Amino acid sequence: MVLLRTNRNRVYEPGSSNSQNEILLGTDWRQALSRMVGAYAANTIRSYRADFAIFEAWCQQERRSALPATSKTVADFVLAQVKSAAPATIGRRRAAIAKIHRLLKFDSPVNTEEVNLATRTVFRQIGRRQNQALGLTSVLKLKLINACPTDLQGLRDRALIAVGYDTLCRRAELVQLQIDDLTINPDGSGTILVKKSKTDKFGEGRLAYLSAVAVAHLERWLNAANLKTGPIFRHVHNGHVWCPALHARKVASIIKNRAKKAGIEKVQVARLSGHSMRVGAAQDMAAAGIDLGAIMHAGGWKSPHMVMRYIEHMDVQKSGMARLYGAVVK
């Protein structure tokens, strides 16, 4: 099918009625996406925008219609992703295509047998298992904290690592933490309200525990930065604290940079991410014999699936075969 472009944002199918078959491109779907502001997390909207832009660019390159797309177009797009995208990314891009179509009141071309078969084909080729971030367990956490200097940036990074580990916050949750939501207890420990999360769509929030050590790191940072209200973690540049909250993407680079300073091996540094504190804390709790329900509560998980992924290598050490060899050795 050949599409003729008549202006920057519209294309028409030859031989069709313009009034019935006009296909909107460019800014139109972005404007539709803007209606989600306030109803969805900012990260979710950004993901939809980025993923559909990739789909639209592929359609333009292949001279296909992106809006509305056919099931064949989506299926071919999914198959084309096999060499460049992880399974989770493919699933996310499918969701973005479906969401944009619904926003523009087009029938979704995604949930069809043709697209599902293409997706299964891709998953069978590359597997559905995702690479897991290296867990920033207590030993690694201490090494990173000790590698931080005592200047403003170092104090912030110490507090970020300690608080990120104790609260099991995702990176987006961590940078949204507010000073006004912090409560310090008489024994030096504390609690903080995590207002929003990926799985908490309506902002009910959860209270997270902070150890006395984490609170001490936090107080040193807040006092040095002279912060009384607003976001806890902020940009530091040339010895000055900037008002905007730290961007979520910055969390991973902070972790990696401090790991390099701590002398952590390059292979391990490459596996660290903004989720490493969350993973490591879950692994430490599992190693301490804390039950799954308590771990899920600490991290705000609604389902045990991801927690089990985080701690599975520990479960292997407790498997029947591991116990058999242990019994033989004894």
C-alpha atoms as a PDB file:
ATOM      1  CA  MET A   1       0.000   0.000   0.000  1.00  0.00           C
ATOM      2  CA  VAL A   2       1.399   3.414  -0.955  1.00  0.00           C
ATOM      3  CA  LEU A   3       0.701   6.379   1.293  1.00  0.00           C
ATOM      4  CA  LEU A   4       0.792   9.912  -0.128  1.00  0.00           C
ATOM      5  CA  ARG A   5       1.859  12.702   2.227  1.00  0.00           C
ATOM      6  CA  THR A   6      -0.098  15.906   1.656  1.00  0.00           C
ATOM      7  CA  ASN A   7       1.236  17.975   4.550  1.00  0.00           C
ATOM      8  CA  ARG A   8       3.446  17.532   7.570  1.00  0.00           C
ATOM      9  CA  ASN A   9       0.953  15.681   9.742  1.00  0.00           C
ATOM     10  CA  ARG A  10      -1.441  13.899   7.353  1.00  0.00           C
ATOM     11  CA  VAL A  11      -1.202  11.086   4.852  1.00  0.00           C
ATOM     12  CA  TYR A  12      -3.867   9.592   2.620  1.00  0.00           C
ATOM     13  CA  GLU A  13      -4.361   6.216   1.064  1.00  0.00           C
ATOM     14  CA  PRO A  14      -4.750   6.467  -2.728  1.00  0.00           C
ATOM     15  CA  GLY A  15      -8.321   5.926  -3.862  1.00  0.00           C
ATOM     16  CA  SER A  16      -9.832   6.436  -0.424  1.00  0.00           C
ATOM     17  CA  SER A  17     -12.201   9.042   0.916  1.00  0.00           C
ATOM     18  CA  ASN A  18     -10.214  11.704   2.721  1.00  0.00           C
ATOM     19  CA  SER A  19     -12.962  12.301   5.245  1.00  0.00           C
ATOM     20  CA  GLN A  20     -13.165   8.650   6.249  1.00  0.00           C
ATOM     21  CA  ASN A  21      -9.606   7.414   5.844  1.00  0.00           C
ATOM     22  CA  GLU A  22      -7.516  10.358   6.906  1.00  0.00           C
ATOM     23  CA  ILE A  23      -4.647   9.072   9.020  1.00  0.00           C
ATOM     24  CA  LEU A  24      -3.236  11.335  11.689  1.00  0.00           C
ATOM     25  CA  LEU A  25       0.492  11.379  12.297  1.00  0.00           C
ATOM     26  CA  GLY A  26       3.089  13.577  13.994  1.00  0.00           C
ATOM     27  CA  THR A  27       1.776  15.868  16.701  1.00  0.00           C
ATOM     28  CA  ASP A  28      -1.793  14.477  16.771  1.00  0.00           C
ATOM     29  CA  TRP A  29      -1.039  11.333  18.758  1.00  0.00           C
ATOM     30  CA  ARG A  30       1.250  13.304  21.058  1.00  0.00           C
ATOM     31  CA  GLN A  31      -1.584  15.688  21.796  1.00  0.00           C
ATOM     32  CA  ALA A  32      -3.840  12.731  22.539  1.00  0.00           C
ATOM     33  CA  LEU A  33      -1.171  11.325  24.850  1.00  0.00           C
ATOM     34  CA  SER A  34      -1.092  14.599  26.785  1.00  0.00           C
ATOM     35  CA  ARG A  35      -4.626  13.842  28.012  1.00  0.00           C
ATOM     36  CA  MET A  36      -3.089  11.177  30.241  1.00  0.00           C
ATOM     37  CA  VAL A  37      -1.190  13.761  32.304  1.00  0.00           C
ATOM     38  CA  GLY A  38      -2.386  13.565  35.893  1.00  0.00           C
ATOM     39  CA  ALA A  39      -4.056  10.203  35.416  1.00  0.00           C
ATOM     40  CA  TYR A  40      -0.836   8.256  34.763  1.00  0.00           C
ATOM     41  CA  ALA A  41       2.706   8.447  36.115  1.00  0.00           C
ATOM     42  CA  ALA A  42       5.040  10.728  34.179  1.00  0.00           C
ATOM     43  CA  ASN A  43       7.392   7.803  33.490  1.00  0.00           C
ATOM     44  CA  THR A  44       4.535   5.798  31.963  1.00  0.00           C
ATOM     45  CA  ILE A  45       3.617   8.655  29.631  1.00  0.00           C
ATOM     46  CA  ARG A  46       7.255   9.133  28.629  1.00  0.00           C
ATOM     47  CA  SER A  47       7.532   5.417  27.835  1.00  0.00           C
ATOM     48  CA  TYR A  48       4.389   5.482  25.683  1.00  0.00           C
ATOM     49  CA  ARG A  49       5.703   8.520  23.816  1.00  0.00           C
ATOM     50  CA  ALA A  50       9.163   7.062  23.188  1.00  0.00           C
ATOM     51  CA  ASP A  51       7.908   3.595  22.227  1.00  0.00           C
ATOM     52  CA  PHE A  52       5.235   4.802  19.839  1.00  0.00           C
ATOM     53  CA  ALA A  53       7.724   7.194  18.219  1.00  0.00           C
ATOM     54  CA  ILE A  54       9.929   4.165  17.481  1.00  0.00           C
ATOM     55  CA  PHE A  55       6.962   2.337  15.984  1.00  0.00           C
ATOM     56  CA  GLU A  56       5.982   5.368  13.910  1.00  0.00           C
ATOM     57  CA  ALA A  57       9.545   5.781  12.582  1.00  0.00           C
ATOM     58  CA  TRP A  58       9.627   2.091  11.601  1.00  0.00           C
ATOM     59  CA  CYS A  59       6.284   2.456   9.806  1.00  0.00           C
ATOM     60  CA  GLN A  60       7.512   5.479   7.875  1.00  0.00           C
ATOM     61  CA  GLN A  61      10.665   3.612   6.871  1.00  0.00           C
ATOM     62  CA  GLU A  62       8.605   0.615   5.755  1.00  0.00           C
ATOM     63  CA  ARG A  63       5.949   2.832   4.116  1.00  0.00           C
ATOM     64  CA  ARG A  64       3.213   1.502   6.378  1.00  0.00           C
ATOM     65  CA  SER A  65       0.377   3.222   8.218  1.00  0.00           C
ATOM     66  CA  ALA A  66       1.065   3.780  11.909  1.00  0.00           C
ATOM     67  CA  LEU A  67      -2.390   5.180  12.655  1.00  0.00           C
ATOM     68  CA  PRO A  68      -4.441   3.192  12.324  1.00  0.00           C
ATOM     69  CA  ALA A  69      -2.085   0.248  12.056  1.00  0.00           C
ATOM     70  CA  THR A  70      -3.111  -3.202  10.917  1.00  0.00           C
ATOM     71  CA  SER A  71      -2.397  -6.351  12.887  1.00  0.00           C
ATOM     72  CA  LYS A  72       0.012  -7.414  10.149  1.00  0.00           C
ATOM     73  CA  THR A  73       1.965  -4.177  10.541  1.00  0.00           C
ATOM     74  CA  VAL A  74       2.253  -4.658  14.300  1.00  0.00           C
ATOM     75  CA  ALA A  75       3.200  -8.313  13.881  1.00  0.00           C
ATOM     76  CA  ASP A  76       5.916  -7.431  11.368  1.00  0.00           C
ATOM     77  CA  PHE A  77       7.166  -4.681  13.700  1.00  0.00           C
ATOM     78  CA  VAL A  78       7.398  -7.152  16.578  1.00  0.00           C
ATOM     79  CA  LEU A  79       9.351  -9.610  14.423  1.00  0.00           C
ATOM     80  CA  ALA A  80      11.694  -6.795  13.364  1.00  0.00           C
ATOM     81  CA  GLN A  81      12.533  -6.104  17.030  1.00  0.00           C
ATOM     82  CA  VAL A  82      14.096  -9.502  17.626  1.00  0.00           C
ATOM     83  CA  LYS A  83      17.693  -8.300  17.222  1.00  0.00           C
ATOM     84  CA  SER A  84      17.447  -4.970  19.009  1.00  0.00           C
ATOM     85  CA  ALA A  85      14.946  -5.186  21.870  1.00  0.00           C
ATOM     86  CA  ALA A  86      14.558  -7.203  25.040  1.00  0.00           C
ATOM     87  CA  PRO A  87      11.323  -9.141  25.607  1.00  0.00           C
ATOM     88  CA  ALA A  88      10.121  -6.635  28.192  1.00  0.00           C
ATOM     89  CA  THR A  89      10.760  -3.793  25.747  1.00  0.00           C
ATOM     90  CA  ILE A  90       8.736  -5.530  23.047  1.00  0.00           C
ATOM     91  CA  GLY A  91       5.866  -6.003  25.465  1.00  0.00           C
ATOM     92  CA  ARG A  92       6.038  -2.344  26.456  1.00  0.00           C
ATOM     93  CA  ARG A  93       5.984  -1.218  22.807  1.00  0.00           C
ATOM     94  CA  ARG A  94       2.944  -3.385  22.130  1.00  0.00           C
ATOM     95  CA  ALA A  95       1.220  -1.674  25.055  1.00  0.00           C
ATOM     96  CA  ALA A  96       2.114   1.768  23.693  1.00  0.00           C
ATOM     97  CA  ILE A  97       0.682   0.962  20.255  1.00  0.00           C
ATOM     98  CA  ALA A  98      -2.536  -0.280  21.827  1.00  0.00           C
ATOM     99  CA  LYS A  99      -2.846   2.740  24.137  1.00  0.00           C
ATOM    100  CA  ILE A 100      -2.341   5.328  21.356  1.00  0.00           C
ATOM    101  CA  HIS A 101      -4.941   3.600  19.206  1.00  0.00           C
ATOM    102  CA  ARG A 102      -7.455   3.617  22.064  1.00  0.00           C
ATOM    103  CA  LEU A 103      -6.779   7.283  22.816  1.00  0.00           C
ATOM    104  CA  LEU A 104      -7.559   8.143  19.189  1.00  0.00           C
ATOM    105  CA  LYS A 105     -10.611   5.844  19.203  1.00  0.00           C
ATOM    106  CA  PHE A 106      -9.129   3.398  16.697  1.00  0.00           C
ATOM    107  CA  ASP A 107      -9.581  -0.341  17.119  1.00  0.00           C
ATOM    108  CA  SER A 108      -6.483  -1.792  18.726  1.00  0.00           C
ATOM    109  CA  PRO A 109      -4.466  -3.919  16.268  1.00  0.00           C
ATOM    110  CA  VAL A 110      -2.435  -5.502  19.066  1.00  0.00           C
ATOM    111  CA  ASN A 111      -4.521  -8.148  20.789  1.00  0.00           C
ATOM    112  CA  THR A 112      -4.910 -10.413  17.794  1.00  0.00           C
ATOM    113  CA  GLU A 113      -3.740 -13.927  17.058  1.00  0.00           C
ATOM    114  CA  GLU A 114      -1.379 -12.628  14.365  1.00  0.00           C
ATOM    115  CA  VAL A 115       0.442 -10.320  16.783  1.00  0.00           C
ATOM    116  CA  ASN A 116       0.417 -12.896  19.588  1.00  0.00           C
ATOM    117  CA  LEU A 117       1.991 -15.499  17.300  1.00  0.00           C
ATOM    118  CA  ALA A 118       4.677 -13.010  16.237  1.00  0.00           C
ATOM    119  CA  THR A 119       5.376 -12.220  19.888  1.00  0.00           C
ATOM    120  CA  ARG A 120       5.645 -15.906  20.812  1.00  0.00           C
ATOM    121  CA  THR A 121       8.015 -16.411  17.897  1.00  0.00           C
ATOM    122  CA  VAL A 122      10.282 -13.639  19.161  1.00  0.00           C
ATOM    123  CA  PHE A 123      10.173 -14.842  22.755  1.00  0.00           C
ATOM    124  CA  ARG A 124      11.067 -18.385  21.688  1.00  0.00           C
ATOM    125  CA  GLN A 125      14.058 -17.040  19.778  1.00  0.00           C
ATOM    126  CA  ILE A 126      15.475 -14.758  22.449  1.00  0.00           C
ATOM    127  CA  GLY A 127      13.803 -16.082  25.600  1.00  0.00           C
ATOM    128  CA  ARG A 128      11.681 -14.112  28.040  1.00  0.00           C
ATOM    129  CA  ARG A 129      14.173 -14.022  30.887  1.00  0.00           C
ATOM    130  CA  GLN A 130      15.415 -10.516  31.678  1.00  0.00           C
ATOM    131  CA  ASN A 131      18.917  -9.672  32.798  1.00  0.00           C
ATOM    132  CA  GLN A 132      18.791  -8.852  36.485  1.00  0.00           C
ATOM    133  CA  ALA A 133      20.599  -5.907  38.013  1.00  0.00           C
ATOM    134  CA  LEU A 134      23.397  -6.750  40.433  1.00  0.00           C
ATOM    135  CA  GLY A 135      22.061  -6.520  43.968  1.00  0.00           C
ATOM    136  CA  LEU A 136      23.659  -3.806  46.099  1.00  0.00           C
ATOM    137  CA  THR A 137      23.784  -5.980  49.212  1.00  0.00           C
ATOM    138  CA  SER A 138      24.928  -4.642  52.572  1.00  0.00           C
ATOM    139  CA  VAL A 139      28.605  -5.395  51.924  1.00  0.00           C
ATOM    140  CA  LEU A 140      28.622  -3.588  48.575  1.00  0.00           C
ATOM    141  CA  LYS A 141      26.482  -0.785  49.996  1.00  0.00           C
ATOM    142  CA  LEU A 142      29.040  -0.093  52.719  1.00  0.00           C
ATOM    143  CA  LYS A 143      31.887  -0.043  50.192  1.00  0.00           C
ATOM    144  CA  LEU A 144      30.068   2.543  48.064  1.00  0.00           C
ATOM    145  CA  ILE A 145      29.182   4.722  51.037  1.00  0.00           C
ATOM    146  CA  ASN A 146      32.769   4.659  52.289  1.00  0.00           C
ATOM    147  CA  ALA A 147      33.935   5.720  48.823  1.00  0.00           C
ATOM    148  CA  CYS A 148      31.856   8.910  48.992  1.00  0.00           C
ATOM    149  CA  PRO A 149      33.740  12.043  50.111  1.00  0.00           C
ATOM    150  CA  THR A 150      32.414  14.454  52.737  1.00  0.00           C
ATOM    151  CA  ASP A 151      31.623  17.300  50.341  1.00  0.00           C
ATOM    152  CA  LEU A 152      28.013  18.161  49.430  1.00  0.00           C
ATOM    153  CA  GLN A 153      27.830  15.701  46.565  1.00  0.00           C
ATOM    154  CA  GLY A 154      29.378  12.953  48.639  1.00  0.00           C
ATOM    155  CA  LEU A 155      26.989  13.528  51.540  1.00  0.00           C
ATOM    156  CA  ARG A 156      24.040  13.441  49.162  1.00  0.00           C
ATOM    157  CA  ASP A 157      25.233  10.204  47.581  1.00  0.00           C
ATOM    158  CA  ARG A 158      25.793   8.564  50.972  1.00  0.00           C
ATOM    159  CA  ALA A 159      22.246   9.455  51.984  1.00  0.00           C
ATOM    160  CA  LEU A 160      20.812   8.342  48.642  1.00  0.00           C
ATOM    161  CA  ILE A 161      22.475   4.931  48.832  1.00  0.00           C
ATOM    162  CA  ALA A 162      21.511   4.376  52.481  1.00  0.00           C
ATOM    163  CA  VAL A 163      17.914   5.532  52.021  1.00  0.00           C
ATOM    164  CA  GLY A 164      17.508   3.672  48.722  1.00  0.00           C
ATOM    165  CA  TYR A 165      18.602   0.443  50.368  1.00  0.00           C
ATOM    166  CA  ASP A 166      16.439   0.828  53.507  1.00  0.00           C
ATOM    167  CA  THR A 167      13.271   1.875  51.681  1.00  0.00           C
ATOM    168  CA  LEU A 168      13.703  -0.497  48.696  1.00  0.00           C
ATOM    169  CA  CYS A 169      12.544   2.413  46.546  1.00  0.00           C
ATOM    170  CA  ARG A 170      12.569   2.247  42.790  1.00  0.00           C
ATOM    171  CA  ARG A 171      14.671   5.045  41.342  1.00  0.00           C
ATOM    172  CA  ALA A 172      11.607   7.152  40.394  1.00  0.00           C
ATOM    173  CA  GLU A 173      10.230   6.765  43.927  1.00  0.00           C
ATOM    174  CA  LEU A 174      13.575   7.632  45.494  1.00  0.00           C
ATOM    175  CA  VAL A 175      13.915  11.012  43.773  1.00  0.00           C
ATOM    176  CA  GLN A 176      10.309  11.902  44.659  1.00  0.00           C
ATOM    177  CA  LEU A 177      10.835  11.548  48.429  1.00  0.00           C
ATOM    178  CA  GLN A 178       9.984  14.730  50.333  1.00  0.00           C
ATOM    179  CA  ILE A 179      11.503  16.193  53.500  1.00  0.00           C
ATOM    180  CA  ASP A 180       8.043  16.906  54.896  1.00  0.00           C
ATOM    181  CA  ASP A 181       7.217  13.181  54.739  1.00  0.00           C
ATOM    182  CA  LEU A 182      10.153  12.204  56.966  1.00  0.00           C
ATOM    183  CA  THR A 183       9.545  11.264  60.619  1.00  0.00           C
ATOM    184  CA  ILE A 184      12.434  10.654  63.009  1.00  0.00           C
ATOM    185  CA  ASN A 185      11.786   8.429  66.010  1.00  0.00           C
ATOM    186  CA  PRO A 186      13.271   8.877  69.516  1.00  0.00           C
ATOM    187  CA  ASP A 187      15.624   5.917  68.973  1.00  0.00           C
ATOM    188  CA  GLY A 188      17.153   7.584  65.912  1.00  0.00           C
ATOM    189  CA  SER A 189      15.378   5.418  63.336  1.00  0.00           C
ATOM    190  CA  GLY A 190      12.726   6.886  61.085  1.00  0.00           C
ATOM    191  CA  THR A 191       9.936   6.401  58.615  1.00  0.00           C
ATOM    192  CA  ILE A 192       9.223   8.103  55.329  1.00  0.00           C
ATOM    193  CA  LEU A 193       6.150   8.159  53.157  1.00  0.00           C
ATOM    194  CA  VAL A 194       6.660   6.853  49.629  1.00  0.00           C
ATOM    195  CA  LYS A 195       3.762   8.655  48.001  1.00  0.00           C
ATOM    196  CA  LYS A 196       3.749   7.197  44.521  1.00  0.00           C
ATOM    197  CA  SER A 197       5.002   4.038  42.873  1.00  0.00           C
ATOM    198  CA  LYS A 198       4.652   2.074  39.674  1.00  0.00           C
ATOM    199  CA  THR A 199       2.221  -0.346  41.275  1.00  0.00           C
ATOM    200  CA  ASP A 200       0.354   2.271  43.332  1.00  0.00           C
ATOM    201  CA  LYS A 201      -1.703   3.876  40.582  1.00  0.00           C
ATOM    202  CA  PHE A 202      -3.870   6.011  42.863  1.00  0.00           C
ATOM    203  CA  GLY A 203      -1.162   7.309  45.184  1.00  0.00           C
ATOM    204  CA  GLU A 204      -2.218   5.590  48.389  1.00  0.00           C
ATOM    205  CA  GLY A 205       1.432   5.524  49.400  1.00  0.00           C
ATOM    206  CA  ARG A 206       3.367   3.307  51.788  1.00  0.00           C
ATOM    207  CA  LEU A 207       5.473   3.955  54.865  1.00  0.00           C
ATOM    208  CA  ALA A 208       9.068   2.782  54.603  1.00  0.00           C
ATOM    209  CA  TYR A 209      11.469   2.130  57.478  1.00  0.00           C
ATOM    210  CA  LEU A 210      14.775   3.968  57.873  1.00  0.00           C
ATOM    211  CA  SER A 211      17.525   2.660  60.142  1.00  0.00           C
ATOM    212  CA  ALA A 212      19.291   5.031  62.541  1.00  0.00           C
ATOM    213  CA  VAL A 213      22.348   4.830  60.286  1.00  0.00           C
ATOM    214  CA  ALA A 214      20.352   5.889  57.224  1.00  0.00           C
ATOM    215  CA  VAL A 215      18.707   8.718  59.185  1.00  0.00           C
ATOM    216  CA  ALA A 216      22.143   9.943  60.294  1.00  0.00           C
ATOM    217  CA  HIS A 217      23.366  10.046  56.674  1.00  0.00           C
ATOM    218  CA  LEU A 218      20.164  11.810  55.690  1.00  0.00           C
ATOM    219  CA  GLU A 219      20.436  14.449  58.421  1.00  0.00           C
ATOM    220  CA  ARG A 220      24.070  15.207  57.560  1.00  0.00           C
ATOM    221  CA  TRP A 221      23.082  15.803  53.923  1.00  0.00           C
ATOM    222  CA  LEU A 222      20.031  17.941  54.727  1.00  0.00           C
ATOM    223  CA  ASN A 223      21.944  20.051  57.257  1.00  0.00           C
ATOM    224  CA  ALA A 224      24.911  20.604  54.952  1.00  0.00           C
ATOM    225  CA  ALA A 225      22.584  21.527  52.065  1.00  0.00           C
ATOM    226  CA  ASN A 226      20.399  23.662  54.383  1.00  0.00           C
ATOM    227  CA  LEU A 227      17.245  21.948  53.146  1.00  0.00           C
ATOM    228  CA  LYS A 228      14.077  22.282  55.200  1.00  0.00           C
ATOM    229  CA  THR A 229      11.300  21.324  52.786  1.00  0.00           C
ATOM    230  CA  GLY A 230      10.741  19.942  49.294  1.00  0.00           C
ATOM    231  CA  PRO A 231      12.594  17.125  47.509  1.00  0.00           C
ATOM    232  CA  ILE A 232      15.269  15.373  49.546  1.00  0.00           C
ATOM    233  CA  PHE A 233      17.636  14.474  46.730  1.00  0.00           C
ATOM    234  CA  ARG A 234      18.677  17.317  44.438  1.00  0.00           C
ATOM    235  CA  HIS A 235      21.309  18.214  41.891  1.00  0.00           C
ATOM    236  CA  VAL A 236      24.645  19.481  43.201  1.00  0.00           C
ATOM    237  CA  HIS A 237      26.815  21.534  40.848  1.00  0.00           C
ATOM    238  CA  ASN A 238      30.051  23.353  41.702  1.00  0.00           C
ATOM    239  CA  GLY A 239      29.317  23.040  45.387  1.00  0.00           C
ATOM    240  CA  HIS A 240      25.816  24.480  45.108  1.00  0.00           C
ATOM    241  CA  VAL A 241      22.480  22.710  45.590  1.00  0.00           C
ATOM    242  CA  TRP A 242      19.936  23.217  42.818  1.00  0.00           C
ATOM    243  CA  CYS A 243      16.216  23.341  43.545  1.00  0.00           C
ATOM    244  CA  PRO A 244      14.918  20.738  41.072  1.00  0.00           C
ATOM    245  CA  ALA A 245      14.719  17.192  42.342  1.00  0.00           C
ATOM    246  CA  LEU A 246      17.337  14.779  41.077  1.00  0.00           C
ATOM    247  CA  HIS A 247      16.253  13.066  37.854  1.00  0.00           C
ATOM    248  CA  ALA A 248      15.538   9.349  38.143  1.00  0.00           C
ATOM    249  CA  ARG A 249      18.087   8.552  35.420  1.00  0.00           C
ATOM    250  CA  LYS A 250      20.808  10.092  37.582  1.00  0.00           C
ATOM    251  CA  VAL A 251      20.457   7.415  40.263  1.00  0.00           C
ATOM    252  CA  ALA A 252      22.135   4.716  38.174  1.00  0.00           C
ATOM    253  CA  SER A 253      25.087   6.939  37.249  1.00  0.00           C
ATOM    254  CA  ILE A 254      25.611   7.839  40.921  1.00  0.00           C
ATOM    255  CA  ILE A 255      25.679   4.163  41.883  1.00  0.00           C
ATOM    256  CA  LYS A 256      28.070   3.269  39.081  1.00  0.00           C
ATOM    257  CA  ASN A 257      30.410   6.214  39.735  1.00  0.00           C
ATOM    258  CA  ARG A 258      30.652   5.460  43.446  1.00  0.00           C
ATOM    259  CA  ALA A 259      31.235   1.765  42.668  1.00  0.00           C
ATOM    260  CA  LYS A 260      34.155   2.704  40.406  1.00  0.00           C
ATOM    261  CA  LYS A 261      35.613   4.892  43.174  1.00  0.00           C
ATOM    262  CA  ALA A 262      35.226   1.973  45.571  1.00  0.00           C
ATOM    263  CA  GLY A 263      37.317  -0.232  43.287  1.00  0.00           C
ATOM    264  CA  ILE A 264      34.490  -2.585  42.327  1.00  0.00           C
ATOM    265  CA  GLU A 265      35.312  -4.770  39.318  1.00  0.00           C
ATOM    266  CA  LYS A 266      34.191  -3.415  35.934  1.00  0.00           C
ATOM    267  CA  VAL A 267      32.019  -6.462  35.275  1.00  0.00           C
ATOM    268  CA  GLN A 268      30.083  -5.791  38.463  1.00  0.00           C
ATOM    269  CA  VAL A 269      29.863  -2.043  37.839  1.00  0.00           C
ATOM    270  CA  ALA A 270      28.278  -2.743  34.448  1.00  0.00           C
ATOM    271  CA  ARG A 271      25.540  -4.781  36.137  1.00  0.00           C
ATOM    272  CA  LEU A 272      24.643  -2.095  38.665  1.00  0.00           C
ATOM    273  CA  SER A 273      21.537  -0.019  38.025  1.00  0.00           C
ATOM    274  CA  GLY A 274      19.100   2.306  39.733  1.00  0.00           C
ATOM    275  CA  HIS A 275      17.280  -0.812  40.985  1.00  0.00           C
ATOM    276  CA  SER A 276      20.368  -2.408  42.552  1.00  0.00           C
ATOM    277  CA  MET A 277      19.588  -1.135  46.065  1.00  0.00           C
ATOM    278  CA  ARG A 278      16.087  -2.604  45.870  1.00  0.00           C
ATOM    279  CA  VAL A 279      17.424  -5.934  44.633  1.00  0.00           C
ATOM    280  CA  GLY A 280      20.219  -6.087  47.203  1.00  0.00           C
ATOM    281  CA  ALA A 281      17.970  -5.279  50.147  1.00  0.00           C
ATOM    282  CA  ALA A 282      15.519  -8.016  49.118  1.00  0.00           C
ATOM    283  CA  GLN A 283      18.392 -10.490  48.823  1.00  0.00           C
ATOM    284  CA  ASP A 284      19.770  -9.547  52.246  1.00  0.00           C
ATOM    285  CA  MET A 285      16.348  -9.998  53.853  1.00  0.00           C
ATOM    286  CA  ALA A 286      15.947 -13.400  52.219  1.00  0.00           C
ATOM    287  CA  ALA A 287      19.419 -14.435  53.405  1.00  0.00           C
ATOM    288  CA  ALA A 288      18.437 -13.394  56.932  1.00  0.00           C
ATOM    289  CA  GLY A 289      15.474 -15.769  56.801  1.00  0.00           C
ATOM    290  CA  ILE A 290      12.800 -13.054  56.614  1.00  0.00           C
ATOM    291  CA  ASP A 291       9.586 -14.400  55.149  1.00  0.00           C
ATOM    292  CA  LEU A 292       8.340 -13.486  51.689  1.00  0.00           C
ATOM    293  CA  GLY A 293       5.330 -11.539  52.957  1.00  0.00           C
ATOM    294  CA  ALA A 294       7.514  -9.232  55.055  1.00  0.00           C
ATOM    295  CA  ILE A 295       9.879  -8.662  52.130  1.00  0.00           C
ATOM    296  CA  MET A 296       6.947  -7.789  49.865  1.00  0.00           C
ATOM    297  CA  HIS A 297       5.606  -5.357  52.459  1.00  0.00           C
ATOM    298  CA  ALA A 298       8.994  -3.666  52.866  1.00  0.00           C
ATOM    299  CA  GLY A 299       9.334  -3.126  49.131  1.00  0.00           C
ATOM    300  CA  GLY A 300       5.717  -2.405  48.260  1.00  0.00           C
ATOM    301  CA  TRP A 301       5.380  -5.439  45.992  1.00  0.00           C
ATOM    302  CA  LYS A 302       1.865  -6.553  45.083  1.00  0.00           C
ATOM    303  CA  SER A 303       2.985  -9.845  43.564  1.00  0.00           C
ATOM    304  CA  PRO A 304       5.704 -12.281  44.696  1.00  0.00           C
ATOM    305  CA  HIS A 305       6.909 -12.898  41.110  1.00  0.00           C
ATOM    306  CA  MET A 306       9.631 -10.223  40.982  1.00  0.00           C
ATOM    307  CA  VAL A 307      10.747 -10.843  44.557  1.00  0.00           C
ATOM    308  CA  MET A 308      11.261 -14.500  43.700  1.00  0.00           C
ATOM    309  CA  ARG A 309      13.371 -13.458  40.716  1.00  0.00           C
ATOM    310  CA  TYR A 310      15.556 -11.311  42.985  1.00  0.00           C
ATOM    311  CA  ILE A 311      16.188 -14.076  45.506  1.00  0.00           C
ATOM    312  CA  GLU A 312      16.162 -17.131  43.258  1.00  0.00           C
ATOM    313  CA  HIS A 313      19.924 -17.714  43.367  1.00  0.00           C
ATOM    314  CA  MET A 314      19.638 -18.015  47.148  1.00  0.00           C
ATOM    315  CA  ASP A 315      16.809 -20.508  46.818  1.00  0.00           C
ATOM    316  CA  VAL A 316      19.041 -22.620  44.587  1.00  0.00           C
ATOM    317  CA  GLN A 317      21.475 -22.921  47.489  1.00  0.00           C
ATOM    318  CA  LYS A 318      18.610 -24.362  49.541  1.00  0.00           C
ATOM    319  CA  SER A 319      17.398 -26.734  46.832  1.00  0.00           C
ATOM    320  CA  GLY A 320      17.203 -30.489  47.247  1.00  0.00           C
ATOM    321  CA  MET A 321      20.422 -31.074  45.319  1.00  0.00           C
ATOM    322  CA  ALA A 322      22.336 -28.439  47.293  1.00  0.00           C
ATOM    323  CA  ARG A 323      21.081 -29.938  50.554  1.00  0.00           C
ATOM    324  CA  LEU A 324      22.016 -33.430  49.353  1.00  0.00           C
ATOM    325  CA  TYR A 325      25.604 -32.389  48.681  1.00  0.00           C
ATOM    326  CA  GLY A 326      25.691 -30.558  51.987  1.00  0.00           C
ATOM    327  CA  ALA A 327      24.544 -33.681  53.781  1.00  0.00           C
ATOM    328  CA  VAL A 328      27.186 -35.778  51.994  1.00  0.00           C
ATOM    329  CA  VAL A 329      29.942 -33.312  52.919  1.00  0.00           C
ATOM    330  CA  LYS A 330      28.852 -33.359  56.540  1.00  0.00           C
END
